[in-house]
C-alpha atoms as a PDB file:
ATOM      1  CA  MET A   1      72.489  81.987 108.681  1.00  0.00           C
ATOM      2  CA  PHE A   2      72.865  84.778 106.170  1.00  0.00           C
ATOM      3  CA  GLU A   3      72.799  84.361 102.485  1.00  0.00           C
ATOM      4  CA  VAL A   4      76.280  85.022 101.193  1.00  0.00           C
ATOM      5  CA  GLU A   5      76.650  86.676  97.710  1.00  0.00           C
ATOM      6  CA  VAL A   6      79.714  87.946  95.897  1.00  0.00           C
ATOM      7  CA  VAL A   7      78.690  91.332  94.546  1.00  0.00           C
ATOM      8  CA  LYS A   8      81.932  92.177  92.664  1.00  0.00           C
ATOM      9  CA  PHE A   9      85.274  90.612  92.135  1.00  0.00           C
ATOM     10  CA  TYR A  10      88.455  92.522  91.276  1.00  0.00           C
ATOM     11  CA  PRO A  11      91.157  90.217  89.856  1.00  0.00           C
ATOM     12  CA  PHE A  12      94.593  91.195  91.140  1.00  0.00           C
ATOM     13  CA  GLU A  13      97.078  88.405  90.463  1.00  0.00           C
ATOM     14  CA  LEU A  14     100.186  88.941  92.500  1.00  0.00           C
ATOM     15  CA  PRO A  15     102.038  85.644  92.554  1.00  0.00           C
ATOM     16  CA  GLY A  16     104.504  84.781  95.254  1.00  0.00           C
ATOM     17  CA  ARG A  17     106.691  81.875  96.032  1.00  0.00           C
ATOM     18  CA  ARG A  18     104.162  80.480  98.479  1.00  0.00           C
ATOM     19  CA  GLY A  19     101.045  81.449  96.567  1.00  0.00           C
ATOM     20  CA  GLY A  20      99.750  84.947  96.462  1.00  0.00           C
ATOM     21  CA  LEU A  21      96.946  87.416  96.091  1.00  0.00           C
ATOM     22  CA  VAL A  22      94.390  86.438  93.516  1.00  0.00           C
ATOM     23  CA  GLY A  23      91.942  89.296  93.922  1.00  0.00           C
ATOM     24  CA  TYR A  24      89.548  91.262  96.047  1.00  0.00           C
ATOM     25  CA  ALA A  25      85.845  90.613  96.448  1.00  0.00           C
ATOM     26  CA  ASP A  26      82.897  92.589  97.809  1.00  0.00           C
ATOM     27  CA  VAL A  27      80.706  90.161  99.761  1.00  0.00           C
ATOM     28  CA  LYS A  28      77.110  90.802 100.802  1.00  0.00           C
ATOM     29  CA  LEU A  29      75.599  89.039 103.816  1.00  0.00           C
ATOM     30  CA  GLY A  30      71.860  89.017 103.345  1.00  0.00           C
ATOM     31  CA  ASP A  31      70.417  92.535 103.215  1.00  0.00           C
ATOM     32  CA  PHE A  32      72.411  93.496 106.319  1.00  0.00           C
ATOM     33  CA  LEU A  33      76.065  93.853 105.610  1.00  0.00           C
ATOM     34  CA  LEU A  34      78.511  94.514 102.736  1.00  0.00           C
ATOM     35  CA  ILE A  35      82.139  93.619 103.332  1.00  0.00           C
ATOM     36  CA  LYS A  36      84.446  95.292 100.840  1.00  0.00           C
ATOM     37  CA  ALA A  37      87.971  94.154  99.909  1.00  0.00           C
ATOM     38  CA  VAL A  38      87.857  90.554 101.084  1.00  0.00           C
ATOM     39  CA  ARG A  39      91.153  89.153  99.784  1.00  0.00           C
ATOM     40  CA  LEU A  40      91.239  85.810  97.980  1.00  0.00           C
ATOM     41  CA  MET A  41      94.630  84.191  98.486  1.00  0.00           C
ATOM     42  CA  LYS A  42      96.126  81.139  96.909  1.00  0.00           C
ATOM     43  CA  ASN A  43      98.479  78.990  99.040  1.00  0.00           C
ATOM     44  CA  ARG A  44     101.520  77.234  97.648  1.00  0.00           C
ATOM     45  CA  TYR A  45      99.628  73.930  97.361  1.00  0.00           C
ATOM     46  CA  GLY A  46      96.956  75.423  95.090  1.00  0.00           C
ATOM     47  CA  GLY A  47      94.286  75.853  97.748  1.00  0.00           C
ATOM     48  CA  TYR A  48      92.413  79.079  98.424  1.00  0.00           C
ATOM     49  CA  TYR A  49      91.633  81.027 101.535  1.00  0.00           C
ATOM     50  CA  VAL A  50      90.138  84.421 102.318  1.00  0.00           C
ATOM     51  CA  GLN A  51      91.457  87.294 104.448  1.00  0.00           C
ATOM     52  CA  MET A  52      89.133  89.923 105.871  1.00  0.00           C
ATOM     53  CA  PRO A  53      89.966  93.638 105.287  1.00  0.00           C
ATOM     54  CA  THR A  54      92.731  95.011 107.433  1.00  0.00           C
ATOM     55  CA  LEU A  55      93.828  98.447 108.562  1.00  0.00           C
ATOM     56  CA  GLN A  56      97.530  99.265 108.834  1.00  0.00           C
ATOM     57  CA  SER A  57      98.782 101.137 111.869  1.00  0.00           C
ATOM     58  CA  GLY A  58     102.491 101.583 112.012  1.00  0.00           C
ATOM     59  CA  ASP A  59     104.090  98.265 111.077  1.00  0.00           C
ATOM     60  CA  ARG A  60     101.073  96.137 112.118  1.00  0.00           C
ATOM     61  CA  ASN A  61      97.878  95.158 110.325  1.00  0.00           C
ATOM     62  CA  TYR A  62      94.656  94.833 112.276  1.00  0.00           C
ATOM     63  CA  GLU A  63      91.514  93.071 110.966  1.00  0.00           C
ATOM     64  CA  VAL A  64      88.653  95.494 110.398  1.00  0.00           C
ATOM     65  CA  VAL A  65      86.107  92.633 110.196  1.00  0.00           C
ATOM     66  CA  GLU A  66      86.384  89.498 112.244  1.00  0.00           C
ATOM     67  CA  VAL A  67      84.093  86.611 111.407  1.00  0.00           C
ATOM     68  CA  LEU A  68      83.393  84.737 114.638  1.00  0.00           C
ATOM     69  CA  SER A  69      81.533  81.833 113.062  1.00  0.00           C
ATOM     70  CA  LYS A  70      83.757  79.293 111.387  1.00  0.00           C
ATOM     71  CA  ASP A  71      80.783  78.078 109.318  1.00  0.00           C
ATOM     72  CA  LEU A  72      80.100  81.571 108.021  1.00  0.00           C
ATOM     73  CA  LEU A  73      83.807  82.119 107.196  1.00  0.00           C
ATOM     74  CA  GLU A  74      83.818  78.820 105.282  1.00  0.00           C
ATOM     75  CA  GLU A  75      80.697  79.836 103.388  1.00  0.00           C
ATOM     76  CA  ILE A  76      82.284  83.179 102.446  1.00  0.00           C
ATOM     77  CA  ARG A  77      85.431  81.388 101.262  1.00  0.00           C
ATOM     78  CA  ARG A  78      83.398  78.868  99.221  1.00  0.00           C
ATOM     79  CA  LYS A  79      81.300  81.588  97.592  1.00  0.00           C
ATOM     80  CA  VAL A  80      84.358  83.717  96.706  1.00  0.00           C
ATOM     81  CA  VAL A  81      86.343  80.758  95.349  1.00  0.00           C
ATOM     82  CA  ASP A  82      83.332  79.496  93.306  1.00  0.00           C
ATOM     83  CA  TYR A  83      82.792  82.953  91.870  1.00  0.00           C
ATOM     84  CA  TYR A  84      86.435  83.222  90.953  1.00  0.00           C
ATOM     85  CA  ARG A  85      86.482  79.819  89.250  1.00  0.00           C
ATOM     86  CA  GLU A  86      83.260  80.382  87.357  1.00  0.00           C
ATOM     87  CA  GLU A  87      83.324  84.048  86.457  1.00  0.00           C
ATOM     88  CA  VAL A  88      86.939  85.229  86.461  1.00  0.00           C
ATOM     89  CA  LYS A  89      89.415  82.445  85.888  1.00  0.00           C
ATOM     90  CA  ILE A  90      90.033  81.670  82.243  1.00  0.00           C
END
């Protein structure tokens, strides 16, 4: 498994009725991969989830990065949420 590290976080609060965008994170996986613009979203129940970067083509969005491992995706989510709670949220 790769070591997951949040390199930078860009707060971008955009509240919505059902939650909303909290910010963007640049996430490093070991010394192999840097994923830029991972979105941290807040759901209407107060929980957090991440969305990988997307590319818009016409009226559809396509994921640029797809994480195939549920464990790795959960680790990314956990690191981004922890970073947000400790370093950004007042």
